[in-house]
Amino acid sequence: MRNYSFSKKRRLHKATEFQAVIRFRCTVSGEFLQFCVKPNNLAHPRLGLIVAKKLERHAIKRNRIKRLLREVFRRNQQELDKMDCVFRLQRSLTQIDSVRIWQEAEMLIHKLRTKQCYD
């Protein structure tokens, strides 16, 4: 049975954890999002989200983007086993198109599977 929960232990919390993933430089980018990963020594993947206030001024929109990205991660976490992952918004969105963000995030996860990002 698969576990699709998204508990606190599956999140990146500290700035040093985010920096380590970004410095590892295993990334794929789309039109609006960048997806970075780094192998971890845990039995599960972890997620960090960067949605800058500079790119998306309204908190409602930032929170909506984060909810969408968390849900994409939650549904695809079996593919990202033992990885620390960071989604970063790269460009400002003129309007929140949930389907477009969802499709781009899933495309980046699948694109990353073909890339060799392991030590």
C-alpha atoms as a PDB file:
ATOM      1  CA  MET A   1       0.000   0.000   0.000  1.00  0.00           C
ATOM      2  CA  ARG A   2       1.375   3.410  -0.964  1.00  0.00           C
ATOM      3  CA  ASN A   3       1.614   6.229   1.533  1.00  0.00           C
ATOM      4  CA  TYR A   4       0.528   9.509  -0.050  1.00  0.00           C
ATOM      5  CA  SER A   5       0.601  11.607   3.106  1.00  0.00           C
ATOM      6  CA  PHE A   6       2.601  14.821   3.350  1.00  0.00           C
ATOM      7  CA  SER A   7       3.755  15.164   6.941  1.00  0.00           C
ATOM      8  CA  LYS A   8       6.237  17.658   8.401  1.00  0.00           C
ATOM      9  CA  LYS A   9       9.084  15.151   8.135  1.00  0.00           C
ATOM     10  CA  ARG A  10       8.661  15.325   4.343  1.00  0.00           C
ATOM     11  CA  ARG A  11       9.432  19.062   4.206  1.00  0.00           C
ATOM     12  CA  LEU A  12      12.660  21.037   4.087  1.00  0.00           C
ATOM     13  CA  HIS A  13      12.708  23.506   6.967  1.00  0.00           C
ATOM     14  CA  LYS A  14      16.123  25.152   7.262  1.00  0.00           C
ATOM     15  CA  ALA A  15      17.836  27.553   4.872  1.00  0.00           C
ATOM     16  CA  THR A  16      20.915  25.302   4.870  1.00  0.00           C
ATOM     17  CA  GLU A  17      18.805  22.404   3.571  1.00  0.00           C
ATOM     18  CA  PHE A  18      17.483  24.560   0.726  1.00  0.00           C
ATOM     19  CA  GLN A  19      20.997  25.798  -0.084  1.00  0.00           C
ATOM     20  CA  ALA A  20      22.392  22.264  -0.179  1.00  0.00           C
ATOM     21  CA  VAL A  21      19.784  21.178  -2.726  1.00  0.00           C
ATOM     22  CA  ILE A  22      20.308  24.238  -4.922  1.00  0.00           C
ATOM     23  CA  ARG A  23      24.106  23.969  -4.753  1.00  0.00           C
ATOM     24  CA  PHE A  24      23.978  20.307  -5.845  1.00  0.00           C
ATOM     25  CA  ARG A  25      23.018  21.705  -9.273  1.00  0.00           C
ATOM     26  CA  CYS A  26      20.818  18.915 -10.530  1.00  0.00           C
ATOM     27  CA  THR A  27      18.013  21.027 -11.957  1.00  0.00           C
ATOM     28  CA  VAL A  28      15.444  21.102 -14.706  1.00  0.00           C
ATOM     29  CA  SER A  29      13.571  24.233 -15.699  1.00  0.00           C
ATOM     30  CA  GLY A  30      10.311  25.062 -17.380  1.00  0.00           C
ATOM     31  CA  GLU A  31       8.616  28.273 -18.374  1.00  0.00           C
ATOM     32  CA  PHE A  32       7.668  29.279 -14.809  1.00  0.00           C
ATOM     33  CA  LEU A  33       9.301  26.753 -12.466  1.00  0.00           C
ATOM     34  CA  GLN A  34      12.729  25.406 -11.640  1.00  0.00           C
ATOM     35  CA  PHE A  35      13.013  21.996  -9.986  1.00  0.00           C
ATOM     36  CA  CYS A  36      16.187  21.086  -8.061  1.00  0.00           C
ATOM     37  CA  VAL A  37      16.979  17.747  -6.415  1.00  0.00           C
ATOM     38  CA  LYS A  38      19.679  16.192  -4.273  1.00  0.00           C
ATOM     39  CA  PRO A  39      19.888  12.633  -2.930  1.00  0.00           C
ATOM     40  CA  ASN A  40      19.324  12.283   0.821  1.00  0.00           C
ATOM     41  CA  ASN A  41      20.001   9.480   3.317  1.00  0.00           C
ATOM     42  CA  LEU A  42      16.384   9.178   4.413  1.00  0.00           C
ATOM     43  CA  ALA A  43      13.779   6.599   3.436  1.00  0.00           C
ATOM     44  CA  HIS A  44      11.484   9.251   1.961  1.00  0.00           C
ATOM     45  CA  PRO A  45      11.637  12.360  -0.227  1.00  0.00           C
ATOM     46  CA  ARG A  46      11.391  15.890   1.182  1.00  0.00           C
ATOM     47  CA  LEU A  47      10.077  19.056  -0.449  1.00  0.00           C
ATOM     48  CA  GLY A  48      10.921  22.742  -0.201  1.00  0.00           C
ATOM     49  CA  LEU A  49       9.082  25.568  -1.980  1.00  0.00           C
ATOM     50  CA  ILE A  50      10.399  28.988  -2.962  1.00  0.00           C
ATOM     51  CA  VAL A  51       7.755  31.420  -4.169  1.00  0.00           C
ATOM     52  CA  ALA A  52       9.311  34.858  -3.808  1.00  0.00           C
ATOM     53  CA  LYS A  53       7.256  37.862  -2.819  1.00  0.00           C
ATOM     54  CA  LYS A  54       9.207  39.803  -5.445  1.00  0.00           C
ATOM     55  CA  LEU A  55       7.710  37.616  -8.191  1.00  0.00           C
ATOM     56  CA  GLU A  56       4.211  37.148  -6.773  1.00  0.00           C
ATOM     57  CA  ARG A  57       3.098  40.086  -4.633  1.00  0.00           C
ATOM     58  CA  HIS A  58      -0.232  38.739  -3.393  1.00  0.00           C
ATOM     59  CA  ALA A  59      -0.150  36.212  -0.539  1.00  0.00           C
ATOM     60  CA  ILE A  60      -3.297  34.512  -1.832  1.00  0.00           C
ATOM     61  CA  LYS A  61      -1.596  33.758  -5.151  1.00  0.00           C
ATOM     62  CA  ARG A  62       1.656  32.637  -3.489  1.00  0.00           C
ATOM     63  CA  ASN A  63      -0.256  30.267  -1.215  1.00  0.00           C
ATOM     64  CA  ARG A  64      -2.276  28.891  -4.136  1.00  0.00           C
ATOM     65  CA  ILE A  65       0.914  28.104  -6.060  1.00  0.00           C
ATOM     66  CA  LYS A  66       2.403  26.401  -2.999  1.00  0.00           C
ATOM     67  CA  ARG A  67      -0.729  24.280  -2.478  1.00  0.00           C
ATOM     68  CA  LEU A  68      -0.635  23.157  -6.105  1.00  0.00           C
ATOM     69  CA  LEU A  69       3.064  22.256  -5.939  1.00  0.00           C
ATOM     70  CA  ARG A  70       2.636  20.354  -2.659  1.00  0.00           C
ATOM     71  CA  GLU A  71      -0.181  18.320  -4.195  1.00  0.00           C
ATOM     72  CA  VAL A  72       1.872  17.494  -7.308  1.00  0.00           C
ATOM     73  CA  PHE A  73       4.744  16.405  -5.066  1.00  0.00           C
ATOM     74  CA  ARG A  74       2.437  14.366  -2.832  1.00  0.00           C
ATOM     75  CA  ARG A  75       1.044  12.457  -5.805  1.00  0.00           C
ATOM     76  CA  ASN A  76       4.459  11.875  -7.415  1.00  0.00           C
ATOM     77  CA  GLN A  77       6.610  11.265  -4.338  1.00  0.00           C
ATOM     78  CA  GLN A  78       7.018   7.558  -5.134  1.00  0.00           C
ATOM     79  CA  GLU A  79       9.099   8.568  -8.176  1.00  0.00           C
ATOM     80  CA  LEU A  80      11.325  10.818  -6.048  1.00  0.00           C
ATOM     81  CA  ASP A  81      12.291   8.288  -3.407  1.00  0.00           C
ATOM     82  CA  LYS A  82      15.225   9.362  -1.195  1.00  0.00           C
ATOM     83  CA  MET A  83      15.550  12.843  -2.738  1.00  0.00           C
ATOM     84  CA  ASP A  84      15.420  16.373  -1.348  1.00  0.00           C
ATOM     85  CA  CYS A  85      13.466  18.507  -3.825  1.00  0.00           C
ATOM     86  CA  VAL A  86      12.948  22.242  -4.252  1.00  0.00           C
ATOM     87  CA  PHE A  87      10.438  23.917  -6.545  1.00  0.00           C
ATOM     88  CA  ARG A  88      11.287  27.563  -7.242  1.00  0.00           C
ATOM     89  CA  LEU A  89       9.093  30.064  -9.076  1.00  0.00           C
ATOM     90  CA  GLN A  90      11.259  31.696 -11.753  1.00  0.00           C
ATOM     91  CA  ARG A  91       8.854  34.080 -13.465  1.00  0.00           C
ATOM     92  CA  SER A  92       5.868  36.071 -12.397  1.00  0.00           C
ATOM     93  CA  LEU A  93       2.494  34.750 -13.497  1.00  0.00           C
ATOM     94  CA  THR A  94       0.003  37.153 -15.037  1.00  0.00           C
ATOM     95  CA  GLN A  95      -2.830  35.042 -13.675  1.00  0.00           C
ATOM     96  CA  ILE A  96      -2.873  31.799 -11.740  1.00  0.00           C
ATOM     97  CA  ASP A  97      -3.540  29.036 -14.232  1.00  0.00           C
ATOM     98  CA  SER A  98      -3.741  25.969 -11.995  1.00  0.00           C
ATOM     99  CA  VAL A  99      -3.752  23.443 -14.815  1.00  0.00           C
ATOM    100  CA  ARG A 100      -0.699  24.991 -16.469  1.00  0.00           C
ATOM    101  CA  ILE A 101       1.313  25.061 -13.228  1.00  0.00           C
ATOM    102  CA  TRP A 102       0.260  21.486 -12.418  1.00  0.00           C
ATOM    103  CA  GLN A 103       1.278  20.216 -15.878  1.00  0.00           C
ATOM    104  CA  GLU A 104       4.613  22.016 -15.796  1.00  0.00           C
ATOM    105  CA  ALA A 105       5.464  20.662 -12.327  1.00  0.00           C
ATOM    106  CA  GLU A 106       4.615  17.095 -13.365  1.00  0.00           C
ATOM    107  CA  MET A 107       6.588  17.505 -16.596  1.00  0.00           C
ATOM    108  CA  LEU A 108       9.642  18.664 -14.608  1.00  0.00           C
ATOM    109  CA  ILE A 109       9.399  15.671 -12.257  1.00  0.00           C
ATOM    110  CA  HIS A 110       9.217  13.255 -15.189  1.00  0.00           C
ATOM    111  CA  LYS A 111      12.002  15.077 -17.044  1.00  0.00           C
ATOM    112  CA  LEU A 112      14.224  14.777 -13.982  1.00  0.00           C
ATOM    113  CA  ARG A 113      13.842  10.990 -13.936  1.00  0.00           C
ATOM    114  CA  THR A 114      15.877  10.784 -17.167  1.00  0.00           C
ATOM    115  CA  LYS A 115      18.648  12.963 -15.746  1.00  0.00           C
ATOM    116  CA  GLN A 116      21.419  11.320 -13.704  1.00  0.00           C
ATOM    117  CA  CYS A 117      21.373  13.090 -10.326  1.00  0.00           C
ATOM    118  CA  TYR A 118      22.863  10.486  -8.027  1.00  0.00           C
ATOM    119  CA  ASP A 119      26.277  10.477  -6.371  1.00  0.00           C
END
